[in-house]
Amino acid sequence: MAIVETELEPGHRPPVDAAGPAAGDGPRRRDFLNIAAVSFAGVGAATVLIPLVNQMNPSADVLALASIEVDLSKIAAGSGIKVAWRKQPVFVRYLTPAEIAEAKAVPIASLRDPQTLDQRTKPGKENWLITMAVCTHLGCVPLGITPGEDRGQYGGYFCPCHGSQYDTAGRIRAGPAPRNLAVPDYSFTSANSVQIG
């Protein structure tokens, strides 16, 4: 039997079986190389991304302060204490009945950042005002947590940096601060104990 060679015109290819390789051929070397390359790239990407994402997690000292317990038994009415939570100062203040009445008497419509005292305290515990001790203007720590400090004309807190004044509910009343002192997440764990965070 003679083999006849035919010359193909330029641009023509020999016919290819439309069914592709026979079923018994299995994966080709090129398929293996593609799978190996993609797998290697995936492992490399994971090796780079895991430390990158992990470095965004809070440090151990911040996690240790994720929540703090504050003893309320030593705080006198009309006074308060400053504690550190997540490296930020927090005011814990024991309001007197006169301070509560003064905060409730303020017309809400007259406030720059309208909130009632009830919205800023827990039900049945309106005598305990817990706020971040950071002025909402530029982050200074206001005065007024103890009775001897300047509390401004509204009896709450006075920021010595730029003159912002807060009332007995920690609401902004005068000065450049745009918002009330922030209220962190907290809950009472007993009659004399509060957990912040």
N, C-alpha and C. Protein backbone atom coordinates (compact mmCIF):
# COMPACT_ATOMS: atom_id res chain seq x y z
N MET A 1 0.84 -1.17 0.00
CA MET A 1 0.00 0.00 0.00
C MET A 1 0.88 1.22 0.00
N ALA A 2 0.61 2.10 -0.89
CA ALA A 2 1.46 3.28 -1.04
C ALA A 2 0.86 4.45 -0.27
N ILE A 3 1.77 5.21 0.30
CA ILE A 3 1.34 6.40 1.03
C ILE A 3 1.48 7.58 0.08
N VAL A 4 0.40 8.29 -0.05
CA VAL A 4 0.41 9.43 -0.97
C VAL A 4 0.51 10.70 -0.13
N GLU A 5 1.51 11.46 -0.43
CA GLU A 5 1.65 12.74 0.27
C GLU A 5 0.99 13.80 -0.56
N THR A 6 0.19 14.59 0.10
CA THR A 6 -0.44 15.70 -0.62
C THR A 6 0.06 17.00 -0.04
N GLU A 7 0.20 17.92 -0.89
CA GLU A 7 0.65 19.23 -0.43
C GLU A 7 -0.58 20.06 -0.12
N LEU A 8 -0.57 20.71 1.04
CA LEU A 8 -1.70 21.54 1.43
C LEU A 8 -1.45 22.98 0.99
N GLU A 9 -2.50 23.59 0.62
CA GLU A 9 -2.36 25.00 0.27
C GLU A 9 -2.04 25.79 1.52
N PRO A 10 -1.30 26.89 1.39
CA PRO A 10 -0.99 27.71 2.57
C PRO A 10 -2.28 28.18 3.24
N GLY A 11 -2.29 28.13 4.60
CA GLY A 11 -3.46 28.57 5.36
C GLY A 11 -4.45 27.47 5.64
N HIS A 12 -4.25 26.27 5.06
CA HIS A 12 -5.13 25.15 5.32
C HIS A 12 -4.48 24.20 6.30
N ARG A 13 -5.28 23.63 7.13
CA ARG A 13 -4.80 22.65 8.10
C ARG A 13 -5.43 21.32 7.80
N PRO A 14 -4.76 20.27 8.23
CA PRO A 14 -5.37 18.97 8.03
C PRO A 14 -6.62 18.85 8.90
N PRO A 15 -7.60 18.05 8.49
CA PRO A 15 -8.83 17.91 9.28
C PRO A 15 -8.54 17.30 10.65
N VAL A 16 -9.29 17.80 11.64
CA VAL A 16 -9.14 17.32 13.02
C VAL A 16 -10.41 16.61 13.39
N ASP A 17 -10.25 15.55 14.13
CA ASP A 17 -11.42 14.78 14.57
C ASP A 17 -12.24 15.66 15.51
N ALA A 18 -13.51 15.91 15.19
CA ALA A 18 -14.36 16.79 15.98
C ALA A 18 -14.62 16.23 17.36
N ALA A 19 -14.50 14.93 17.55
CA ALA A 19 -14.76 14.33 18.86
C ALA A 19 -13.61 14.58 19.82
N GLY A 20 -12.49 15.08 19.35
CA GLY A 20 -11.34 15.34 20.22
C GLY A 20 -10.56 14.08 20.45
N PRO A 21 -9.68 14.08 21.45
CA PRO A 21 -8.87 12.91 21.71
C PRO A 21 -9.75 11.75 22.14
N ALA A 22 -9.26 10.58 21.92
CA ALA A 22 -10.01 9.38 22.29
C ALA A 22 -10.24 9.37 23.79
N ALA A 23 -11.32 8.73 24.23
CA ALA A 23 -11.72 8.72 25.64
C ALA A 23 -10.66 8.11 26.53
N GLY A 24 -9.87 7.26 26.05
CA GLY A 24 -8.89 6.59 26.88
C GLY A 24 -7.59 7.37 27.04
N ASP A 25 -7.45 8.51 26.35
CA ASP A 25 -6.19 9.25 26.41
C ASP A 25 -5.91 9.85 27.80
N GLY A 26 -6.95 10.28 28.60
CA GLY A 26 -6.78 10.88 29.92
C GLY A 26 -6.27 12.32 29.82
N PRO A 27 -5.91 12.91 30.97
CA PRO A 27 -5.45 14.30 30.95
C PRO A 27 -4.10 14.42 30.23
N ARG A 28 -3.96 15.50 29.54
CA ARG A 28 -2.72 15.72 28.82
C ARG A 28 -1.73 16.46 29.71
N ARG A 29 -0.51 16.50 29.31
CA ARG A 29 0.55 17.15 30.08
C ARG A 29 0.25 18.64 30.26
N ARG A 30 -0.30 19.27 29.23
CA ARG A 30 -0.62 20.69 29.30
C ARG A 30 -1.69 20.94 30.38
N ASP A 31 -2.70 20.06 30.50
CA ASP A 31 -3.72 20.19 31.54
C ASP A 31 -3.08 20.12 32.92
N PHE A 32 -2.17 19.19 33.08
CA PHE A 32 -1.48 19.05 34.37
C PHE A 32 -0.70 20.32 34.72
N LEU A 33 0.01 20.86 33.74
CA LEU A 33 0.79 22.08 33.98
C LEU A 33 -0.11 23.26 34.33
N ASN A 34 -1.26 23.37 33.67
CA ASN A 34 -2.20 24.45 33.99
C ASN A 34 -2.72 24.33 35.42
N ILE A 35 -3.11 23.12 35.80
CA ILE A 35 -3.63 22.90 37.16
C ILE A 35 -2.54 23.17 38.19
N ALA A 36 -1.32 22.73 37.92
CA ALA A 36 -0.21 22.95 38.85
C ALA A 36 0.10 24.44 39.00
N ALA A 37 0.07 25.18 37.89
CA ALA A 37 0.37 26.62 37.94
C ALA A 37 -0.69 27.38 38.72
N VAL A 38 -1.96 27.06 38.48
CA VAL A 38 -3.05 27.73 39.21
C VAL A 38 -2.98 27.40 40.70
N SER A 39 -2.70 26.15 41.04
CA SER A 39 -2.58 25.75 42.44
C SER A 39 -1.43 26.48 43.12
N PHE A 40 -0.31 26.58 42.44
CA PHE A 40 0.86 27.26 42.99
C PHE A 40 0.56 28.74 43.22
N ALA A 41 -0.14 29.38 42.27
CA ALA A 41 -0.51 30.78 42.42
C ALA A 41 -1.47 30.97 43.59
N GLY A 42 -2.42 30.05 43.76
CA GLY A 42 -3.36 30.14 44.88
C GLY A 42 -2.67 30.04 46.22
N VAL A 43 -1.72 29.12 46.35
CA VAL A 43 -0.97 28.98 47.60
C VAL A 43 -0.15 30.24 47.85
N GLY A 44 0.46 30.79 46.80
CA GLY A 44 1.25 32.02 46.95
C GLY A 44 0.38 33.19 47.39
N ALA A 45 -0.81 33.32 46.80
CA ALA A 45 -1.72 34.41 47.18
C ALA A 45 -2.16 34.26 48.63
N ALA A 46 -2.47 33.05 49.06
CA ALA A 46 -2.87 32.81 50.45
C ALA A 46 -1.73 33.14 51.41
N THR A 47 -0.50 32.79 51.01
CA THR A 47 0.66 33.07 51.85
C THR A 47 0.85 34.57 52.05
N VAL A 48 0.53 35.34 51.05
CA VAL A 48 0.65 36.80 51.15
C VAL A 48 -0.54 37.41 51.89
N LEU A 49 -1.76 36.94 51.61
CA LEU A 49 -2.96 37.57 52.16
C LEU A 49 -3.21 37.26 53.63
N ILE A 50 -2.88 36.07 54.09
CA ILE A 50 -3.17 35.71 55.49
C ILE A 50 -2.46 36.65 56.46
N PRO A 51 -1.15 36.90 56.34
CA PRO A 51 -0.52 37.85 57.27
C PRO A 51 -1.05 39.27 57.11
N LEU A 52 -1.41 39.66 55.88
CA LEU A 52 -1.94 40.99 55.65
C LEU A 52 -3.26 41.19 56.39
N VAL A 53 -4.16 40.23 56.28
CA VAL A 53 -5.44 40.31 56.96
C VAL A 53 -5.25 40.19 58.48
N ASN A 54 -4.35 39.31 58.90
CA ASN A 54 -4.12 39.09 60.32
C ASN A 54 -3.57 40.34 61.02
N GLN A 55 -2.77 41.15 60.34
CA GLN A 55 -2.21 42.33 60.97
C GLN A 55 -3.27 43.40 61.24
N MET A 56 -4.45 43.27 60.61
CA MET A 56 -5.53 44.21 60.85
C MET A 56 -6.33 43.87 62.10
N ASN A 57 -6.12 42.71 62.69
CA ASN A 57 -6.81 42.34 63.93
C ASN A 57 -6.30 43.19 65.09
N PRO A 58 -7.13 43.44 66.10
CA PRO A 58 -6.67 44.21 67.24
C PRO A 58 -5.54 43.49 67.99
N SER A 59 -4.66 44.28 68.59
CA SER A 59 -3.54 43.69 69.32
C SER A 59 -4.03 43.05 70.62
N ALA A 60 -3.18 42.27 71.25
CA ALA A 60 -3.57 41.53 72.45
C ALA A 60 -3.96 42.46 73.59
N ASP A 61 -3.25 43.59 73.74
CA ASP A 61 -3.59 44.50 74.84
C ASP A 61 -4.94 45.18 74.61
N VAL A 62 -5.31 45.41 73.36
CA VAL A 62 -6.63 45.98 73.08
C VAL A 62 -7.72 44.95 73.33
N LEU A 63 -7.48 43.71 72.92
CA LEU A 63 -8.46 42.65 73.17
C LEU A 63 -8.67 42.43 74.67
N ALA A 64 -7.60 42.59 75.45
CA ALA A 64 -7.72 42.41 76.90
C ALA A 64 -8.64 43.47 77.50
N LEU A 65 -8.72 44.65 76.86
CA LEU A 65 -9.58 45.72 77.35
C LEU A 65 -10.89 45.81 76.57
N ALA A 66 -11.26 44.74 75.87
CA ALA A 66 -12.48 44.76 75.08
C ALA A 66 -13.70 45.09 75.94
N SER A 67 -13.67 44.68 77.19
CA SER A 67 -14.71 45.08 78.14
C SER A 67 -14.07 45.22 79.51
N ILE A 68 -14.58 46.18 80.25
CA ILE A 68 -14.06 46.40 81.61
C ILE A 68 -15.23 46.44 82.59
N GLU A 69 -14.95 46.07 83.81
CA GLU A 69 -15.94 46.10 84.89
C GLU A 69 -15.62 47.29 85.79
N VAL A 70 -16.62 48.12 86.09
CA VAL A 70 -16.42 49.31 86.91
C VAL A 70 -17.25 49.18 88.18
N ASP A 71 -16.58 49.37 89.33
CA ASP A 71 -17.25 49.35 90.63
C ASP A 71 -17.87 50.72 90.88
N LEU A 72 -19.19 50.76 91.05
CA LEU A 72 -19.91 52.01 91.23
C LEU A 72 -20.08 52.40 92.70
N SER A 73 -19.75 51.49 93.61
CA SER A 73 -20.05 51.71 95.03
C SER A 73 -19.26 52.88 95.65
N LYS A 74 -18.15 53.25 95.07
CA LYS A 74 -17.31 54.30 95.66
C LYS A 74 -17.54 55.67 95.03
N ILE A 75 -18.50 55.78 94.12
CA ILE A 75 -18.76 57.06 93.45
C ILE A 75 -19.89 57.78 94.18
N ALA A 76 -19.60 59.00 94.63
CA ALA A 76 -20.60 59.80 95.35
C ALA A 76 -21.53 60.50 94.37
N ALA A 77 -22.76 60.76 94.80
CA ALA A 77 -23.72 61.48 93.97
C ALA A 77 -23.16 62.86 93.62
N GLY A 78 -23.31 63.25 92.38
CA GLY A 78 -22.79 64.54 91.92
C GLY A 78 -21.34 64.49 91.48
N SER A 79 -20.74 63.31 91.55
CA SER A 79 -19.34 63.15 91.17
C SER A 79 -19.22 62.02 90.17
N GLY A 80 -18.00 61.68 89.82
CA GLY A 80 -17.79 60.60 88.88
C GLY A 80 -16.33 60.20 88.83
N ILE A 81 -16.04 59.25 87.96
CA ILE A 81 -14.67 58.80 87.77
C ILE A 81 -14.38 58.71 86.27
N LYS A 82 -13.10 58.72 85.96
CA LYS A 82 -12.66 58.52 84.58
C LYS A 82 -11.92 57.19 84.53
N VAL A 83 -12.32 56.30 83.62
CA VAL A 83 -11.68 55.00 83.46
C VAL A 83 -11.19 54.88 82.02
N ALA A 84 -10.30 53.92 81.78
CA ALA A 84 -9.80 53.68 80.42
C ALA A 84 -10.44 52.42 79.86
N TRP A 85 -10.96 52.54 78.65
CA TRP A 85 -11.55 51.41 77.94
C TRP A 85 -11.10 51.50 76.49
N ARG A 86 -10.45 50.43 76.01
CA ARG A 86 -9.90 50.40 74.66
C ARG A 86 -8.99 51.60 74.39
N LYS A 87 -8.20 51.93 75.38
CA LYS A 87 -7.23 53.03 75.31
C LYS A 87 -7.91 54.40 75.17
N GLN A 88 -9.19 54.49 75.50
CA GLN A 88 -9.93 55.75 75.45
C GLN A 88 -10.49 56.06 76.83
N PRO A 89 -10.51 57.34 77.23
CA PRO A 89 -11.10 57.68 78.53
C PRO A 89 -12.62 57.64 78.48
N VAL A 90 -13.22 57.19 79.58
CA VAL A 90 -14.68 57.11 79.71
C VAL A 90 -15.07 57.76 81.03
N PHE A 91 -16.12 58.59 81.00
CA PHE A 91 -16.67 59.19 82.22
C PHE A 91 -17.80 58.30 82.75
N VAL A 92 -17.77 58.01 84.04
CA VAL A 92 -18.87 57.33 84.73
C VAL A 92 -19.33 58.29 85.81
N ARG A 93 -20.52 58.86 85.64
CA ARG A 93 -20.99 59.94 86.53
C ARG A 93 -22.30 59.57 87.20
N TYR A 94 -22.35 59.85 88.50
CA TYR A 94 -23.53 59.59 89.33
C TYR A 94 -24.30 60.91 89.43
N LEU A 95 -25.39 61.02 88.66
CA LEU A 95 -26.18 62.26 88.63
C LEU A 95 -27.05 62.40 89.87
N THR A 96 -27.15 63.63 90.37
CA THR A 96 -28.03 63.92 91.50
C THR A 96 -29.45 64.11 90.95
N PRO A 97 -30.46 64.06 91.83
CA PRO A 97 -31.83 64.33 91.35
C PRO A 97 -31.96 65.71 90.70
N ALA A 98 -31.22 66.70 91.21
CA ALA A 98 -31.27 68.05 90.62
C ALA A 98 -30.67 68.04 89.21
N GLU A 99 -29.58 67.31 89.00
CA GLU A 99 -28.96 67.23 87.67
C GLU A 99 -29.88 66.50 86.69
N ILE A 100 -30.57 65.46 87.18
CA ILE A 100 -31.51 64.73 86.33
C ILE A 100 -32.66 65.65 85.92
N ALA A 101 -33.21 66.39 86.88
CA ALA A 101 -34.32 67.32 86.60
C ALA A 101 -33.88 68.40 85.63
N GLU A 102 -32.67 68.90 85.79
CA GLU A 102 -32.14 69.94 84.90
C GLU A 102 -32.01 69.41 83.47
N ALA A 103 -31.53 68.18 83.32
CA ALA A 103 -31.37 67.58 81.99
C ALA A 103 -32.73 67.34 81.33
N LYS A 104 -33.73 66.96 82.13
CA LYS A 104 -35.06 66.67 81.57
C LYS A 104 -35.82 67.94 81.23
N ALA A 105 -35.44 69.07 81.84
CA ALA A 105 -36.15 70.33 81.60
C ALA A 105 -35.74 71.01 80.30
N VAL A 106 -34.68 70.56 79.67
CA VAL A 106 -34.19 71.20 78.44
C VAL A 106 -35.10 70.83 77.27
N PRO A 107 -35.60 71.84 76.52
CA PRO A 107 -36.41 71.53 75.33
C PRO A 107 -35.54 70.83 74.28
N ILE A 108 -35.95 69.67 73.85
CA ILE A 108 -35.17 68.86 72.91
C ILE A 108 -34.94 69.61 71.60
N ALA A 109 -35.91 70.40 71.16
CA ALA A 109 -35.79 71.13 69.89
C ALA A 109 -34.66 72.16 69.94
N SER A 110 -34.26 72.57 71.13
CA SER A 110 -33.20 73.59 71.25
C SER A 110 -31.79 72.99 71.17
N LEU A 111 -31.69 71.67 71.13
CA LEU A 111 -30.38 71.01 71.15
C LEU A 111 -29.80 70.85 69.74
N ARG A 112 -28.51 70.98 69.63
CA ARG A 112 -27.80 70.80 68.36
C ARG A 112 -27.85 69.32 67.93
N ASP A 113 -27.70 68.43 68.89
CA ASP A 113 -27.75 66.99 68.65
C ASP A 113 -28.85 66.44 69.57
N PRO A 114 -30.12 66.48 69.13
CA PRO A 114 -31.24 66.20 70.03
C PRO A 114 -31.29 64.76 70.55
N GLN A 115 -31.18 64.62 71.86
CA GLN A 115 -31.34 63.35 72.56
C GLN A 115 -31.88 63.64 73.95
N THR A 116 -32.75 62.77 74.43
CA THR A 116 -33.25 62.91 75.79
C THR A 116 -32.29 62.21 76.75
N LEU A 117 -32.43 62.50 78.03
CA LEU A 117 -31.63 61.81 79.04
C LEU A 117 -31.93 60.32 79.02
N ASP A 118 -33.20 59.97 78.80
CA ASP A 118 -33.59 58.55 78.75
C ASP A 118 -32.91 57.81 77.59
N GLN A 119 -32.66 58.49 76.49
CA GLN A 119 -31.97 57.87 75.36
C GLN A 119 -30.49 57.66 75.65
N ARG A 120 -29.96 58.40 76.60
CA ARG A 120 -28.52 58.35 76.89
C ARG A 120 -28.20 57.54 78.14
N THR A 121 -29.22 57.03 78.82
CA THR A 121 -29.02 56.21 80.02
C THR A 121 -29.86 54.94 79.88
N LYS A 122 -29.67 54.02 80.81
CA LYS A 122 -30.44 52.76 80.80
C LYS A 122 -31.73 52.94 81.61
N PRO A 123 -32.81 52.25 81.22
CA PRO A 123 -34.07 52.34 81.96
C PRO A 123 -33.87 51.95 83.43
N GLY A 124 -34.40 52.79 84.32
CA GLY A 124 -34.28 52.54 85.75
C GLY A 124 -32.93 52.93 86.33
N LYS A 125 -32.01 53.35 85.49
CA LYS A 125 -30.66 53.74 85.94
C LYS A 125 -30.29 55.11 85.38
N GLU A 126 -31.27 56.02 85.32
CA GLU A 126 -31.01 57.33 84.74
C GLU A 126 -30.04 58.17 85.56
N ASN A 127 -29.75 57.73 86.79
CA ASN A 127 -28.79 58.46 87.61
C ASN A 127 -27.34 58.14 87.23
N TRP A 128 -27.12 57.15 86.35
CA TRP A 128 -25.77 56.80 85.91
C TRP A 128 -25.58 57.20 84.45
N LEU A 129 -24.75 58.22 84.24
CA LEU A 129 -24.44 58.68 82.90
C LEU A 129 -23.04 58.19 82.54
N ILE A 130 -22.95 57.38 81.50
CA ILE A 130 -21.67 56.82 81.06
C ILE A 130 -21.43 57.28 79.62
N THR A 131 -20.36 58.08 79.45
CA THR A 131 -20.04 58.63 78.14
C THR A 131 -18.55 58.52 77.87
N MET A 132 -18.19 58.57 76.59
CA MET A 132 -16.78 58.68 76.24
C MET A 132 -16.31 60.06 76.70
N ALA A 133 -15.11 60.12 77.24
CA ALA A 133 -14.56 61.38 77.74
C ALA A 133 -13.70 62.04 76.66
N VAL A 134 -14.29 62.16 75.49
CA VAL A 134 -13.58 62.72 74.33
C VAL A 134 -14.50 63.75 73.68
N CYS A 135 -14.04 65.01 73.66
CA CYS A 135 -14.82 66.07 73.03
C CYS A 135 -15.00 65.75 71.56
N THR A 136 -16.20 65.96 71.06
CA THR A 136 -16.50 65.61 69.67
C THR A 136 -16.02 66.66 68.68
N HIS A 137 -15.34 67.68 69.18
CA HIS A 137 -14.77 68.68 68.27
C HIS A 137 -13.42 68.20 67.75
N LEU A 138 -12.42 68.17 68.63
CA LEU A 138 -11.09 67.73 68.19
C LEU A 138 -10.47 66.69 69.11
N GLY A 139 -11.26 66.08 69.98
CA GLY A 139 -10.77 64.95 70.76
C GLY A 139 -10.09 65.26 72.08
N CYS A 140 -10.22 66.46 72.61
CA CYS A 140 -9.66 66.76 73.93
C CYS A 140 -10.51 66.09 75.00
N VAL A 141 -9.97 65.97 76.21
CA VAL A 141 -10.71 65.41 77.34
C VAL A 141 -11.34 66.57 78.12
N PRO A 142 -12.67 66.63 78.17
CA PRO A 142 -13.32 67.73 78.90
C PRO A 142 -13.11 67.64 80.41
N LEU A 143 -13.32 68.76 81.08
CA LEU A 143 -13.28 68.83 82.54
C LEU A 143 -14.71 68.67 83.06
N GLY A 144 -14.83 68.33 84.35
CA GLY A 144 -16.14 68.32 84.99
C GLY A 144 -16.55 67.00 85.61
N ILE A 145 -15.69 65.99 85.56
CA ILE A 145 -16.09 64.71 86.13
C ILE A 145 -16.14 64.77 87.65
N THR A 146 -15.33 65.63 88.26
CA THR A 146 -15.39 65.82 89.71
C THR A 146 -15.95 67.22 90.00
N PRO A 147 -16.60 67.41 91.14
CA PRO A 147 -17.23 68.71 91.44
C PRO A 147 -16.26 69.89 91.45
N GLY A 148 -14.99 69.68 91.72
CA GLY A 148 -14.03 70.79 91.77
C GLY A 148 -13.59 71.30 90.41
N GLU A 149 -13.87 70.57 89.34
CA GLU A 149 -13.45 70.99 88.01
C GLU A 149 -14.48 71.91 87.37
N ASP A 150 -14.03 72.69 86.40
CA ASP A 150 -14.91 73.60 85.67
C ASP A 150 -15.92 72.78 84.86
N ARG A 151 -17.20 72.99 85.13
CA ARG A 151 -18.26 72.26 84.42
C ARG A 151 -18.99 73.12 83.41
N GLY A 152 -18.54 74.36 83.24
CA GLY A 152 -19.19 75.25 82.28
C GLY A 152 -20.52 75.76 82.79
N GLN A 153 -21.19 76.55 81.96
CA GLN A 153 -22.43 77.18 82.41
C GLN A 153 -23.62 76.23 82.43
N TYR A 154 -23.48 75.01 81.88
CA TYR A 154 -24.59 74.06 81.85
C TYR A 154 -24.44 72.94 82.87
N GLY A 155 -23.40 73.01 83.69
CA GLY A 155 -23.22 72.07 84.80
C GLY A 155 -22.77 70.67 84.42
N GLY A 156 -22.39 70.47 83.18
CA GLY A 156 -21.97 69.14 82.75
C GLY A 156 -20.46 69.04 82.60
N TYR A 157 -19.99 69.30 81.40
CA TYR A 157 -18.56 69.22 81.11
C TYR A 157 -18.14 70.44 80.30
N PHE A 158 -16.87 70.82 80.47
CA PHE A 158 -16.31 71.96 79.76
C PHE A 158 -15.01 71.52 79.11
N CYS A 159 -14.89 71.71 77.80
CA CYS A 159 -13.66 71.35 77.10
C CYS A 159 -12.71 72.56 77.12
N PRO A 160 -11.54 72.42 77.76
CA PRO A 160 -10.63 73.56 77.86
C PRO A 160 -9.92 73.90 76.56
N CYS A 161 -9.96 73.02 75.57
CA CYS A 161 -9.23 73.28 74.32
C CYS A 161 -9.89 74.39 73.49
N HIS A 162 -11.19 74.27 73.23
CA HIS A 162 -11.85 75.25 72.38
C HIS A 162 -13.19 75.72 72.93
N GLY A 163 -13.47 75.40 74.20
CA GLY A 163 -14.63 75.97 74.87
C GLY A 163 -15.97 75.29 74.66
N SER A 164 -15.99 74.07 74.18
CA SER A 164 -17.27 73.36 74.05
C SER A 164 -17.84 73.09 75.44
N GLN A 165 -19.17 73.24 75.57
CA GLN A 165 -19.82 73.03 76.86
C GLN A 165 -20.95 72.02 76.71
N TYR A 166 -20.99 71.08 77.63
CA TYR A 166 -21.98 70.01 77.64
C TYR A 166 -22.82 70.12 78.90
N ASP A 167 -24.08 69.69 78.81
CA ASP A 167 -24.94 69.75 80.00
C ASP A 167 -24.80 68.49 80.84
N THR A 168 -25.67 68.34 81.84
CA THR A 168 -25.56 67.22 82.78
C THR A 168 -25.86 65.87 82.13
N ALA A 169 -26.41 65.88 80.91
CA ALA A 169 -26.63 64.63 80.18
C ALA A 169 -25.54 64.40 79.14
N GLY A 170 -24.49 65.23 79.15
CA GLY A 170 -23.40 65.08 78.19
C GLY A 170 -23.77 65.52 76.79
N ARG A 171 -24.78 66.40 76.67
CA ARG A 171 -25.22 66.90 75.36
C ARG A 171 -24.55 68.23 75.06
N ILE A 172 -24.15 68.43 73.83
CA ILE A 172 -23.48 69.67 73.46
C ILE A 172 -24.48 70.84 73.53
N ARG A 173 -24.05 71.92 74.19
CA ARG A 173 -24.92 73.09 74.36
C ARG A 173 -24.28 74.36 73.81
N ALA A 174 -22.94 74.44 73.83
CA ALA A 174 -22.26 75.65 73.33
C ALA A 174 -20.86 75.26 72.87
N GLY A 175 -20.32 76.08 71.96
CA GLY A 175 -18.97 75.82 71.48
C GLY A 175 -18.98 75.09 70.15
N PRO A 176 -17.79 74.76 69.64
CA PRO A 176 -17.69 74.21 68.29
C PRO A 176 -18.01 72.71 68.13
N ALA A 177 -18.13 71.97 69.23
CA ALA A 177 -18.37 70.52 69.09
C ALA A 177 -19.69 70.26 68.35
N PRO A 178 -19.70 69.36 67.37
CA PRO A 178 -20.92 69.13 66.58
C PRO A 178 -21.91 68.14 67.21
N ARG A 179 -21.41 67.25 68.08
CA ARG A 179 -22.27 66.18 68.60
C ARG A 179 -22.13 66.04 70.12
N ASN A 180 -23.06 65.32 70.71
CA ASN A 180 -23.01 64.99 72.13
C ASN A 180 -21.84 64.07 72.41
N LEU A 181 -21.45 63.97 73.68
CA LEU A 181 -20.44 62.99 74.06
C LEU A 181 -21.01 61.60 73.75
N ALA A 182 -20.21 60.76 73.12
CA ALA A 182 -20.69 59.44 72.69
C ALA A 182 -20.96 58.55 73.90
N VAL A 183 -21.98 57.72 73.79
CA VAL A 183 -22.33 56.76 74.83
C VAL A 183 -21.85 55.38 74.37
N PRO A 184 -20.92 54.76 75.11
CA PRO A 184 -20.45 53.42 74.70
C PRO A 184 -21.48 52.35 75.04
N ASP A 185 -21.27 51.17 74.53
CA ASP A 185 -22.13 50.04 74.87
C ASP A 185 -21.80 49.60 76.29
N TYR A 186 -22.79 49.50 77.15
CA TYR A 186 -22.55 49.07 78.53
C TYR A 186 -23.80 48.40 79.08
N SER A 187 -23.60 47.63 80.17
CA SER A 187 -24.73 46.98 80.83
C SER A 187 -24.41 46.85 82.31
N PHE A 188 -25.44 46.90 83.14
CA PHE A 188 -25.27 46.76 84.58
C PHE A 188 -25.26 45.27 84.92
N THR A 189 -24.19 44.83 85.59
CA THR A 189 -24.08 43.42 85.96
C THR A 189 -24.59 43.17 87.38
N SER A 190 -24.68 44.25 88.18
CA SER A 190 -25.25 44.17 89.53
C SER A 190 -25.64 45.58 89.94
N ALA A 191 -26.14 45.74 91.15
CA ALA A 191 -26.54 47.06 91.61
C ALA A 191 -25.36 48.02 91.70
N ASN A 192 -24.16 47.50 91.93
CA ASN A 192 -22.98 48.34 92.11
C ASN A 192 -21.88 48.06 91.08
N SER A 193 -22.26 47.54 89.94
CA SER A 193 -21.24 47.18 88.95
C SER A 193 -21.78 47.36 87.54
N VAL A 194 -20.94 47.91 86.67
CA VAL A 194 -21.31 48.09 85.26
C VAL A 194 -20.19 47.56 84.39
N GLN A 195 -20.58 46.91 83.31
CA GLN A 195 -19.60 46.39 82.35
C GLN A 195 -19.67 47.27 81.09
N ILE A 196 -18.53 47.85 80.73
CA ILE A 196 -18.44 48.68 79.53
C ILE A 196 -17.81 47.83 78.43
N GLY A 197 -18.47 47.78 77.31
CA GLY A 197 -17.95 47.00 76.19
C GLY A 197 -18.64 45.66 76.06
